[in-house]
Amino acid sequence: MTADRHGHLMSDTGPEALAPYEQALDDLLFFRPRVAESAQSVLAAAPRSVMGQTLAAYLGVLGTEEKDAAAARDSFTRFRSGLDTAGVTPRERMHLAAATAWLDGDLHGAGRILGDLTIAYPRDALALFAGHQHDFLTGDAARLRDRVGGALDAWDEDDPHHGPLLGMYAFGLEESGHYERAEEVGLAALERHPGDVWGIHGVVHTYEMRGRFTDGIRFLDARTDDWSQGSLLTVHNWWHYALFTLEAGDTARVLEIYDSALHHDGSAGVAMELLDAAALLWRLHLAEVEQSARWARLADAWESRRDGPHYAFNDAHAVMAYVGAGRIAQAQRLVQDREHWVAAEPGGSNRAMTAEIGLPVCRALIAYGQHDYGRATDLLLPVRHRLHQFGGSHAQRDAIQRTLVEAALRARRTELARTLLSERIQLRPVCPYNWSAKARLEEQLGDPARAAAARERVAVQEAAT
C-alpha cells in the first residue's frame, strides 16, 4: 500500500497518484488556484483513492459555495456507495466520516472528528488544514489556535510543511488575542516561505488588531510580489490593505483598491470575494460616503448567484449589498426565505448559525438601511458577544460591531454608545474610527472640549498612518 511523505498509508492510491496527491496538498497549503486541477489529477490517476476523493470533498466545502458543496456531496456519495471499507485504514475512515459530516451540513461534527484525527495523526497535513479552515468558518478562536498548536510538537522544523503550519498557527494566535506571539510566529513562517499568503495574512491581522496601520501598509508594500496576485487569498489580502488605508482617511485610495482588486468586471463572483467587497463598502456606508453605482454592481453580483441557505455569514454580506444598493425589498426576501428554511429544516449547523446570529444581524442591517436605528440597536445588542458563532474573523465581524456603534449614536442611545466606545478604545486606543465616533458622541453630550480632543486624536493618528 502506498504511503504519503509523512508515512500515512493510502488505500487504492498507486505510485502514479502519489506525486499528484503531494502536489495537490502543497497547492492547498499555499492557496494556489491550481489546487482544484491538482486534486483532479489525483483522481484521474486513481479514481478510487480514498484520500484523493476526500481531498476533493473538502475542496467542495471550504469555499462556502453552495453549488460546489452540492456537487461534491453527489460525487462523494457515489464514491462511498461503491466503497469496500475492508481495505480502508483507520485514518482514512476518520477522514471519510469528517467529510461526510461536513457535506451533510454538520460542520461541528466534522470539526470534532478532525480534532480526533489530528490527535491520532498529528502529521496529517490535510486534517490540520481542513480543521483550521473549519475553525475559521465557525469562528472558534480557541480551536483555531490549539488544533495546530497541539500538533506542532510532532513536526520537524525542517519539514517543508512546517512553515505553512506556523502561518496557520499565527492566525489562531491572533484570533485568540496573542498578538505579539502571533506576529513572531507568522514572521518565522515567512522566513521559510516568503510566498506563504496565509502567513502574510496572519501577520497582517496582528497589525489590524493593534492599530498598527502604518506597519501593516509597510509590511504589505515590502512584500507586494509575494501576495498581491495569483493566489486564492489575493483579494482578501487586498481587503486588508484597504482597511489600513481607510483608517488613514484616504478614501480615494480605498476606492482605487476596491475597483482594481476587490470587485470589477473580471471578478470571479465567488462568495469569499464578494463578502470582502460588501464589508468594505459597508464601512464607507456607515461613514455616509455614497457609493450607489458600486453598490448596484455588487448587489447584482450577489443576486446572480441565487444562493440558498448555505452559510449565514455570506447571507449577512449579501444583505449589506442589497441594503447599500437601496434594494430593501430584496434584502427582506432573503430574510423571509431564511426564516421559512429555519422553520422547516430539522437540523444542521447552518440552521443554528442562521437562526441565532444570521437572521438577527440581517434584520438589523435592514433596519439600519431604513433609518430605524433604535431597532437596529435592539437587534444587534443581544448578539454582539456571540457574533463569532456564525464565522469570520474579528476584523471581518467589526463591520457589524461598527454598525451597532453607529446605530446607537444615531438613535441617541448615549449611555450605550459611551460604553461601546469605551470598550473599543480600551482595546484599540490607536484607531481613528474609534476617536471619530467618540467625537460625535461628545457633541451629542454637549461637551465641545472633549469632542475637540477626540478629533485631535483622529488627526494625529491619521497623519501617522
Protein backbone atom coordinates (compact mmCIF):
# COMPACT_ATOMS: atom_id res chain seq x y z
CA MET A 1 0.00 0.00 0.00
CA THR A 2 1.30 3.45 -0.93
CA ALA A 3 2.28 5.85 1.86
CA ASP A 4 2.40 9.63 1.73
CA ARG A 5 5.53 11.62 2.58
CA HIS A 6 4.63 11.55 6.27
CA GLY A 7 4.21 7.78 6.38
CA HIS A 8 0.39 7.60 6.25
CA LEU A 9 -0.85 4.60 4.29
CA MET A 10 -3.19 5.40 1.39
CA SER A 11 -5.55 2.74 0.06
CA ASP A 12 -6.30 2.42 -3.66
CA THR A 13 -3.67 5.05 -4.37
CA GLY A 14 -0.88 3.70 -6.54
CA PRO A 15 2.53 5.24 -7.10
CA GLU A 16 1.23 7.06 -10.17
CA ALA A 17 -1.23 9.02 -7.96
CA LEU A 18 1.16 9.76 -5.11
CA ALA A 19 3.06 12.64 -6.74
CA PRO A 20 -0.18 14.36 -7.86
CA TYR A 21 -1.56 13.97 -4.32
CA GLU A 22 1.51 15.54 -2.75
CA GLN A 23 1.35 18.36 -5.30
CA ALA A 24 -2.33 18.96 -4.54
CA LEU A 25 -1.65 19.04 -0.82
CA ASP A 26 1.18 21.51 -1.35
CA ASP A 27 -1.05 23.69 -3.54
CA LEU A 28 -3.75 23.60 -0.85
CA LEU A 29 -1.42 24.70 1.94
CA PHE A 30 -0.14 27.61 -0.14
CA PHE A 31 -3.55 28.68 -1.53
CA ARG A 32 -2.61 28.15 -5.18
CA PRO A 33 -5.53 28.40 -7.63
CA ARG A 34 -4.43 25.24 -9.40
CA VAL A 35 -5.32 23.11 -6.36
CA ALA A 36 -8.61 22.00 -7.94
CA GLU A 37 -6.78 20.87 -11.06
CA SER A 38 -4.15 19.09 -8.97
CA ALA A 39 -6.85 17.29 -7.00
CA GLN A 40 -8.48 16.11 -10.21
CA SER A 41 -5.11 14.77 -11.36
CA VAL A 42 -5.08 12.50 -8.33
CA LEU A 43 -8.47 11.08 -9.23
CA ALA A 44 -7.53 10.73 -12.87
CA ALA A 45 -4.63 8.52 -11.81
CA ALA A 46 -6.52 6.69 -9.04
CA PRO A 47 -10.33 7.14 -9.19
CA ARG A 48 -10.90 5.00 -6.08
CA SER A 49 -8.27 6.74 -3.97
CA VAL A 50 -9.86 7.39 -0.58
CA MET A 51 -7.58 10.32 0.17
CA GLY A 52 -7.99 11.73 -3.32
CA GLN A 53 -11.77 11.58 -3.00
CA THR A 54 -11.65 13.06 0.49
CA LEU A 55 -9.45 15.93 -0.66
CA ALA A 56 -11.94 16.68 -3.44
CA ALA A 57 -14.77 16.62 -0.89
CA TYR A 58 -13.02 19.12 1.36
CA LEU A 59 -12.39 21.42 -1.60
CA GLY A 60 -16.12 21.34 -2.24
CA VAL A 61 -16.95 22.84 1.16
CA LEU A 62 -14.01 25.09 2.02
CA GLY A 63 -15.09 27.90 -0.31
CA THR A 64 -18.59 28.12 1.26
CA GLU A 65 -20.08 27.85 -2.22
CA GLU A 66 -23.48 26.13 -2.16
CA LYS A 67 -23.22 24.75 -5.70
CA ASP A 68 -19.70 23.39 -5.13
CA ALA A 69 -20.80 21.70 -1.92
CA ALA A 70 -23.81 20.11 -3.62
CA ALA A 71 -21.67 18.77 -6.47
CA ALA A 72 -19.07 17.45 -4.03
CA ARG A 73 -21.80 15.78 -1.96
CA ASP A 74 -23.20 13.98 -5.01
CA SER A 75 -19.78 12.82 -6.13
CA PHE A 76 -18.70 11.70 -2.66
CA THR A 77 -21.96 9.84 -2.07
CA ARG A 78 -21.47 7.90 -5.29
CA PHE A 79 -17.92 7.07 -4.26
CA ARG A 80 -18.93 5.88 -0.80
CA SER A 81 -21.79 3.76 -2.14
CA GLY A 82 -19.32 1.58 -4.02
CA LEU A 83 -16.55 1.63 -1.42
CA ASP A 84 -15.33 -1.62 0.12
CA THR A 85 -14.24 -0.43 3.55
CA ALA A 86 -12.36 -3.63 4.33
CA GLY A 87 -9.14 -2.21 2.94
CA VAL A 88 -9.55 1.30 4.28
CA THR A 89 -7.17 2.42 7.02
CA PRO A 90 -8.41 3.78 10.37
CA ARG A 91 -7.12 7.24 9.46
CA GLU A 92 -8.98 7.16 6.17
CA ARG A 93 -12.18 6.08 7.92
CA MET A 94 -11.95 9.19 10.07
CA HIS A 95 -11.46 11.37 7.01
CA LEU A 96 -14.45 9.72 5.34
CA ALA A 97 -16.56 10.41 8.42
CA ALA A 98 -15.40 14.04 8.68
CA ALA A 99 -16.02 14.77 5.00
CA THR A 100 -19.43 13.08 5.11
CA ALA A 101 -20.49 15.08 8.17
CA TRP A 102 -19.38 18.35 6.60
CA LEU A 103 -21.12 17.62 3.30
CA ASP A 104 -24.27 16.72 5.22
CA GLY A 105 -24.23 20.11 6.94
CA ASP A 106 -22.86 19.00 10.31
CA LEU A 107 -19.95 21.41 10.47
CA HIS A 108 -19.39 20.97 14.17
CA GLY A 109 -19.46 17.21 13.95
CA ALA A 110 -16.88 17.36 11.18
CA GLY A 111 -14.71 19.60 13.35
CA ARG A 112 -14.80 17.15 16.25
CA ILE A 113 -13.82 14.23 14.03
CA LEU A 114 -10.99 16.22 12.50
CA GLY A 115 -9.84 17.07 16.03
CA ASP A 116 -9.73 13.40 16.99
CA LEU A 117 -7.93 12.66 13.74
CA THR A 118 -5.24 15.21 14.48
CA ILE A 119 -4.66 13.79 17.96
CA ALA A 120 -4.17 10.32 16.50
CA TYR A 121 -2.24 11.50 13.42
CA PRO A 122 -0.68 14.91 14.20
CA ARG A 123 1.36 14.88 10.97
CA ASP A 124 -1.72 14.66 8.76
CA ALA A 125 -1.44 18.00 6.97
CA LEU A 126 -4.80 17.64 5.21
CA ALA A 127 -6.63 17.09 8.51
CA LEU A 128 -4.86 20.10 10.02
CA PHE A 129 -5.66 22.38 7.09
CA ALA A 130 -9.30 21.30 6.83
CA GLY A 131 -9.72 21.58 10.59
CA HIS A 132 -8.09 25.01 10.68
CA GLN A 133 -10.37 26.34 7.97
CA HIS A 134 -13.35 24.75 9.73
CA ASP A 135 -12.47 26.65 12.90
CA PHE A 136 -12.29 29.89 10.95
CA LEU A 137 -15.64 29.29 9.28
CA THR A 138 -17.27 28.56 12.64
CA GLY A 139 -15.49 31.38 14.48
CA ASP A 140 -13.87 29.06 17.05
CA ALA A 141 -10.78 31.02 18.04
CA ALA A 142 -9.55 28.61 20.71
CA ARG A 143 -9.62 25.63 18.36
CA LEU A 144 -8.18 27.76 15.56
CA ARG A 145 -5.18 28.20 17.82
CA ASP A 146 -4.93 24.88 19.61
CA ARG A 147 -5.71 22.49 16.76
CA VAL A 148 -2.43 23.43 15.08
CA GLY A 149 -0.54 24.27 18.25
CA GLY A 150 -1.25 20.82 19.64
CA ALA A 151 0.21 19.13 16.58
CA LEU A 152 3.36 21.19 16.06
CA ASP A 153 5.44 19.19 18.54
CA ALA A 154 5.19 16.18 16.21
CA TRP A 155 6.68 18.08 13.28
CA ASP A 156 10.35 18.51 12.39
CA GLU A 157 11.26 22.14 11.80
CA ASP A 158 12.96 21.26 8.51
CA ASP A 159 9.78 19.69 7.11
CA PRO A 160 8.64 21.74 4.07
CA HIS A 161 5.13 21.93 5.52
CA HIS A 162 6.25 23.16 8.93
CA GLY A 163 6.27 26.70 7.55
CA PRO A 164 2.61 26.83 6.46
CA LEU A 165 1.63 25.23 9.75
CA LEU A 166 3.31 28.15 11.51
CA GLY A 167 1.34 30.51 9.29
CA MET A 168 -1.85 28.76 10.35
CA TYR A 169 -0.84 28.86 13.99
CA ALA A 170 -0.10 32.59 13.72
CA PHE A 171 -3.69 33.25 12.67
CA GLY A 172 -5.04 31.14 15.52
CA LEU A 173 -2.86 33.02 17.99
CA GLU A 174 -4.04 36.37 16.62
CA GLU A 175 -7.73 35.48 16.78
CA SER A 176 -7.15 34.40 20.40
CA GLY A 177 -5.59 37.76 21.30
CA HIS A 178 -1.92 36.74 21.43
CA TYR A 179 -0.83 39.46 19.03
CA GLU A 180 2.90 39.70 19.69
CA ARG A 181 3.36 35.93 19.69
CA ALA A 182 1.26 35.71 16.53
CA GLU A 183 3.46 38.24 14.75
CA GLU A 184 6.58 36.37 15.84
CA VAL A 185 5.28 33.01 14.61
CA GLY A 186 3.95 34.49 11.37
CA LEU A 187 7.28 36.08 10.56
CA ALA A 188 9.00 32.75 11.28
CA ALA A 189 6.67 31.12 8.76
CA LEU A 190 7.62 33.73 6.16
CA GLU A 191 11.33 33.16 6.75
CA ARG A 192 10.73 29.64 5.46
CA HIS A 193 8.32 30.54 2.65
CA PRO A 194 8.05 34.24 1.75
CA GLY A 195 5.11 33.46 -0.53
CA ASP A 196 3.02 31.87 2.24
CA VAL A 197 -0.03 34.09 1.77
CA TRP A 198 -1.81 32.67 4.82
CA GLY A 199 1.24 33.52 6.91
CA ILE A 200 1.22 37.03 5.47
CA HIS A 201 -2.48 37.18 6.28
CA GLY A 202 -1.83 36.17 9.88
CA VAL A 203 0.76 38.90 10.43
CA VAL A 204 -1.49 41.49 8.78
CA HIS A 205 -4.25 40.61 11.23
CA THR A 206 -1.94 41.34 14.17
CA TYR A 207 -1.32 44.86 12.83
CA GLU A 208 -5.05 45.43 12.33
CA MET A 209 -5.95 44.38 15.85
CA ARG A 210 -3.24 46.54 17.44
CA GLY A 211 -3.95 49.62 15.36
CA ARG A 212 -0.54 49.39 13.69
CA PHE A 213 -1.91 50.55 10.37
CA THR A 214 1.31 52.16 9.16
CA ASP A 215 3.24 48.97 9.94
CA GLY A 216 0.61 46.98 8.07
CA ILE A 217 0.95 49.09 4.94
CA ARG A 218 4.74 48.97 5.08
CA PHE A 219 4.70 45.23 5.64
CA LEU A 220 2.44 44.63 2.64
CA ASP A 221 4.32 47.11 0.45
CA ALA A 222 7.62 45.37 1.21
CA ARG A 223 6.15 42.02 0.15
CA THR A 224 3.94 43.08 -2.75
CA ASP A 225 5.27 40.43 -5.13
CA ASP A 226 4.54 37.69 -2.59
CA TRP A 227 0.81 38.34 -2.04
CA SER A 228 -0.73 40.82 -4.48
CA GLN A 229 -1.61 38.44 -7.30
CA GLY A 230 -2.02 34.82 -8.29
CA SER A 231 -3.34 33.23 -5.10
CA LEU A 232 -6.72 32.27 -3.67
CA LEU A 233 -6.10 34.86 -0.95
CA THR A 234 -5.16 37.78 -3.20
CA VAL A 235 -8.48 39.62 -2.90
CA HIS A 236 -8.67 39.11 0.85
CA ASN A 237 -5.17 40.47 1.44
CA TRP A 238 -6.02 43.48 -0.74
CA TRP A 239 -9.06 43.94 1.51
CA HIS A 240 -6.74 44.15 4.49
CA TYR A 241 -4.63 46.74 2.66
CA ALA A 242 -7.80 48.75 2.04
CA LEU A 243 -8.71 48.61 5.73
CA PHE A 244 -5.35 50.10 6.66
CA THR A 245 -5.82 52.81 4.03
CA LEU A 246 -9.33 53.55 5.27
CA GLU A 247 -8.02 54.23 8.76
CA ALA A 248 -5.59 56.71 7.20
CA GLY A 249 -8.58 58.61 5.83
CA ASP A 250 -7.57 58.10 2.20
CA THR A 251 -10.96 57.25 0.70
CA ALA A 252 -9.74 57.80 -2.86
CA ARG A 253 -7.08 55.13 -2.44
CA VAL A 254 -9.60 52.79 -0.79
CA LEU A 255 -11.88 53.05 -3.82
CA GLU A 256 -8.94 52.58 -6.18
CA ILE A 257 -8.15 49.30 -4.42
CA TYR A 258 -11.81 48.31 -4.49
CA ASP A 259 -12.11 48.89 -8.23
CA SER A 260 -8.82 47.27 -9.19
CA ALA A 261 -8.73 44.31 -6.80
CA LEU A 262 -11.91 43.67 -4.83
CA HIS A 263 -14.74 43.94 -7.34
CA HIS A 264 -14.64 44.68 -11.06
CA ASP A 265 -15.82 43.25 -14.36
CA GLY A 266 -13.27 40.46 -14.22
CA SER A 267 -14.05 39.37 -10.66
CA ALA A 268 -14.80 35.69 -10.17
CA GLY A 269 -18.01 36.36 -8.24
CA VAL A 270 -17.20 33.81 -5.53
CA ALA A 271 -18.70 34.36 -2.10
CA MET A 272 -15.39 34.84 -0.28
CA GLU A 273 -14.52 37.76 -2.56
CA LEU A 274 -17.98 39.31 -2.68
CA LEU A 275 -18.21 39.42 1.10
CA ASP A 276 -14.90 41.32 1.28
CA ALA A 277 -16.27 43.83 -1.21
CA ALA A 278 -19.51 44.21 0.76
CA ALA A 279 -17.71 44.59 4.08
CA LEU A 280 -15.51 47.38 2.70
CA LEU A 281 -18.36 49.32 1.09
CA TRP A 282 -20.44 48.91 4.24
CA ARG A 283 -17.76 50.67 6.28
CA LEU A 284 -17.99 53.56 3.80
CA HIS A 285 -21.78 53.41 4.07
CA LEU A 286 -21.53 53.78 7.84
CA ALA A 287 -19.38 56.87 7.24
CA GLU A 288 -22.07 58.20 4.86
CA VAL A 289 -19.78 58.01 1.84
CA GLU A 290 -22.19 57.48 -1.07
CA GLN A 291 -21.28 54.62 -3.43
CA SER A 292 -24.54 53.93 -5.25
CA ALA A 293 -23.02 52.73 -8.53
CA ARG A 294 -20.62 50.33 -6.81
CA TRP A 295 -23.38 49.05 -4.54
CA ALA A 296 -25.63 48.41 -7.54
CA ARG A 297 -22.98 46.34 -9.31
CA LEU A 298 -22.20 44.40 -6.15
CA ALA A 299 -25.87 43.73 -5.42
CA ASP A 300 -26.26 42.46 -8.99
CA ALA A 301 -23.37 40.07 -8.41
CA TRP A 302 -24.93 38.69 -5.23
CA GLU A 303 -28.34 38.36 -6.88
CA SER A 304 -26.93 36.49 -9.86
CA ARG A 305 -25.65 33.77 -7.53
CA ARG A 306 -29.18 32.83 -6.40
CA ASP A 307 -27.80 31.42 -3.17
CA GLY A 308 -29.90 29.24 -0.96
CA PRO A 309 -29.38 28.85 2.79
CA HIS A 310 -25.83 27.53 2.95
CA TYR A 311 -23.67 29.78 5.15
CA ALA A 312 -25.17 32.51 7.34
CA PHE A 313 -22.06 34.69 7.22
CA ASN A 314 -22.46 35.01 3.45
CA ASP A 315 -26.14 35.89 3.85
CA ALA A 316 -25.29 38.86 6.07
CA HIS A 317 -22.94 40.27 3.45
CA ALA A 318 -25.47 39.77 0.67
CA VAL A 319 -27.93 41.79 2.77
CA MET A 320 -25.30 44.51 3.19
CA ALA A 321 -25.09 44.74 -0.59
CA TYR A 322 -28.85 44.88 -1.06
CA VAL A 323 -29.29 47.50 1.65
CA GLY A 324 -26.38 49.53 0.34
CA ALA A 325 -27.95 49.48 -3.12
CA GLY A 326 -31.29 50.59 -1.68
CA ARG A 327 -32.89 47.23 -2.50
CA ILE A 328 -34.62 46.78 0.83
CA ALA A 329 -37.32 44.53 -0.61
CA GLN A 330 -34.66 42.17 -1.94
CA ALA A 331 -32.95 42.05 1.44
CA GLN A 332 -36.29 41.33 3.08
CA ARG A 333 -36.96 38.50 0.65
CA LEU A 334 -33.67 36.88 1.59
CA VAL A 335 -34.58 37.13 5.27
CA GLN A 336 -38.04 35.66 4.64
CA ASP A 337 -36.53 32.79 2.70
CA ARG A 338 -34.14 32.00 5.57
CA GLU A 339 -36.98 32.26 8.11
CA HIS A 340 -39.01 29.69 6.21
CA TRP A 341 -35.98 27.44 5.87
CA VAL A 342 -35.14 27.62 9.57
CA ALA A 343 -38.71 26.71 10.45
CA ALA A 344 -38.72 23.73 8.09
CA GLU A 345 -35.16 22.43 8.38
CA PRO A 346 -34.77 19.88 11.21
CA GLY A 347 -31.07 20.33 11.88
CA GLY A 348 -27.61 21.20 10.60
CA SER A 349 -25.01 23.63 11.83
CA ASN A 350 -26.01 26.43 9.49
CA ARG A 351 -29.58 26.30 10.78
CA ALA A 352 -28.42 27.31 14.27
CA MET A 353 -25.96 29.84 12.86
CA THR A 354 -28.75 31.38 10.79
CA ALA A 355 -31.46 31.33 13.45
CA GLU A 356 -29.35 32.59 16.34
CA ILE A 357 -26.97 35.04 14.66
CA GLY A 358 -27.53 35.39 10.92
CA LEU A 359 -31.16 36.45 10.98
CA PRO A 360 -30.82 39.00 13.81
CA VAL A 361 -27.85 40.54 12.00
CA CYS A 362 -29.66 40.63 8.65
CA ARG A 363 -32.74 42.19 10.24
CA ALA A 364 -30.54 44.78 11.95
CA LEU A 365 -28.82 45.70 8.69
CA ILE A 366 -32.21 46.19 7.05
CA ALA A 367 -33.40 48.32 9.97
CA TYR A 368 -30.26 50.42 9.68
CA GLY A 369 -30.91 50.90 5.97
CA GLN A 370 -34.43 52.06 6.81
CA HIS A 371 -33.01 54.55 9.34
CA ASP A 372 -34.70 52.67 12.17
CA TYR A 373 -31.61 52.95 14.33
CA GLY A 374 -33.33 52.02 17.56
CA ARG A 375 -34.47 48.70 16.12
CA ALA A 376 -31.04 48.04 14.64
CA THR A 377 -29.53 48.64 18.07
CA ASP A 378 -32.05 46.38 19.80
CA LEU A 379 -31.39 43.57 17.33
CA LEU A 380 -27.59 43.70 17.49
CA LEU A 381 -27.12 44.30 21.21
CA PRO A 382 -28.13 40.76 22.34
CA VAL A 383 -25.82 39.04 19.84
CA ARG A 384 -22.77 41.32 19.88
CA HIS A 385 -20.76 38.95 22.09
CA ARG A 386 -21.86 35.92 20.07
CA LEU A 387 -21.12 37.09 16.54
CA HIS A 388 -18.19 34.68 16.30
CA GLN A 389 -20.70 31.83 16.24
CA PHE A 390 -21.53 32.48 12.59
CA GLY A 391 -17.92 32.58 11.46
CA GLY A 392 -15.34 35.03 10.19
CA SER A 393 -12.52 36.85 11.95
CA HIS A 394 -12.53 39.72 14.43
CA ALA A 395 -11.59 42.08 11.60
CA GLN A 396 -14.43 40.85 9.39
CA ARG A 397 -17.03 40.97 12.13
CA ASP A 398 -16.02 44.51 13.05
CA ALA A 399 -18.24 45.83 10.26
CA ILE A 400 -21.20 44.56 12.27
CA GLN A 401 -19.80 45.84 15.58
CA ARG A 402 -19.39 49.27 14.00
CA THR A 403 -22.99 49.09 12.81
CA LEU A 404 -24.07 48.74 16.43
CA VAL A 405 -21.97 51.76 17.42
CA GLU A 406 -23.37 53.86 14.60
CA ALA A 407 -26.94 52.75 15.30
CA ALA A 408 -26.58 53.62 18.98
CA LEU A 409 -25.21 57.06 18.10
CA ARG A 410 -27.94 57.78 15.60
CA ALA A 411 -30.62 56.53 18.00
CA ARG A 412 -29.09 58.87 20.60
CA ARG A 413 -28.55 55.98 22.99
CA THR A 414 -25.71 57.94 24.51
CA GLU A 415 -25.09 55.76 27.55
CA LEU A 416 -24.83 52.65 25.38
CA ALA A 417 -22.69 54.45 22.81
CA ARG A 418 -20.33 55.62 25.57
CA THR A 419 -20.00 52.06 26.84
CA LEU A 420 -19.39 50.60 23.38
CA LEU A 421 -16.80 53.22 22.52
CA SER A 422 -15.06 52.88 25.86
CA GLU A 423 -14.75 49.14 25.19
CA ARG A 424 -13.32 49.77 21.75
CA ILE A 425 -10.89 52.48 22.81
CA GLN A 426 -9.53 50.45 25.70
CA LEU A 427 -8.83 47.57 23.33
CA ARG A 428 -7.52 49.69 20.44
CA PRO A 429 -6.50 53.17 21.53
CA VAL A 430 -4.91 53.64 18.11
CA CYS A 431 -7.89 53.61 15.77
CA PRO A 432 -9.09 56.80 14.07
CA TYR A 433 -12.60 55.42 13.66
CA ASN A 434 -12.98 54.93 17.41
CA TRP A 435 -11.98 58.51 18.17
CA SER A 436 -14.10 59.94 15.37
CA ALA A 437 -17.14 58.20 16.81
CA LYS A 438 -16.11 59.39 20.26
CA ALA A 439 -16.06 62.99 19.00
CA ARG A 440 -19.58 62.65 17.66
CA LEU A 441 -20.75 61.21 20.98
CA GLU A 442 -19.24 64.10 22.92
CA GLU A 443 -21.01 66.55 20.63
CA GLN A 444 -24.30 64.84 21.42
CA LEU A 445 -23.49 65.12 25.09
CA GLY A 446 -22.78 68.84 24.73
CA ASP A 447 -19.06 68.73 25.55
CA PRO A 448 -17.24 70.55 22.71
CA ALA A 449 -13.88 70.41 24.52
CA ARG A 450 -13.92 66.61 24.73
CA ALA A 451 -15.16 66.42 21.16
CA ALA A 452 -12.25 68.58 20.00
CA ALA A 453 -9.78 66.45 21.95
CA ALA A 454 -11.13 63.31 20.28
CA ARG A 455 -10.84 64.92 16.85
CA GLU A 456 -7.26 65.85 17.60
CA ARG A 457 -6.61 62.17 18.26
CA VAL A 458 -8.08 61.35 14.85
CA ALA A 459 -5.85 63.90 13.12
CA VAL A 460 -2.72 62.68 14.87
CA GLN A 461 -3.43 59.02 14.17
CA GLU A 462 -4.36 59.57 10.51
CA ALA A 463 -1.20 61.63 10.00
CA ALA A 464 0.88 58.80 11.44
CA THR A 465 -0.61 56.25 9.04
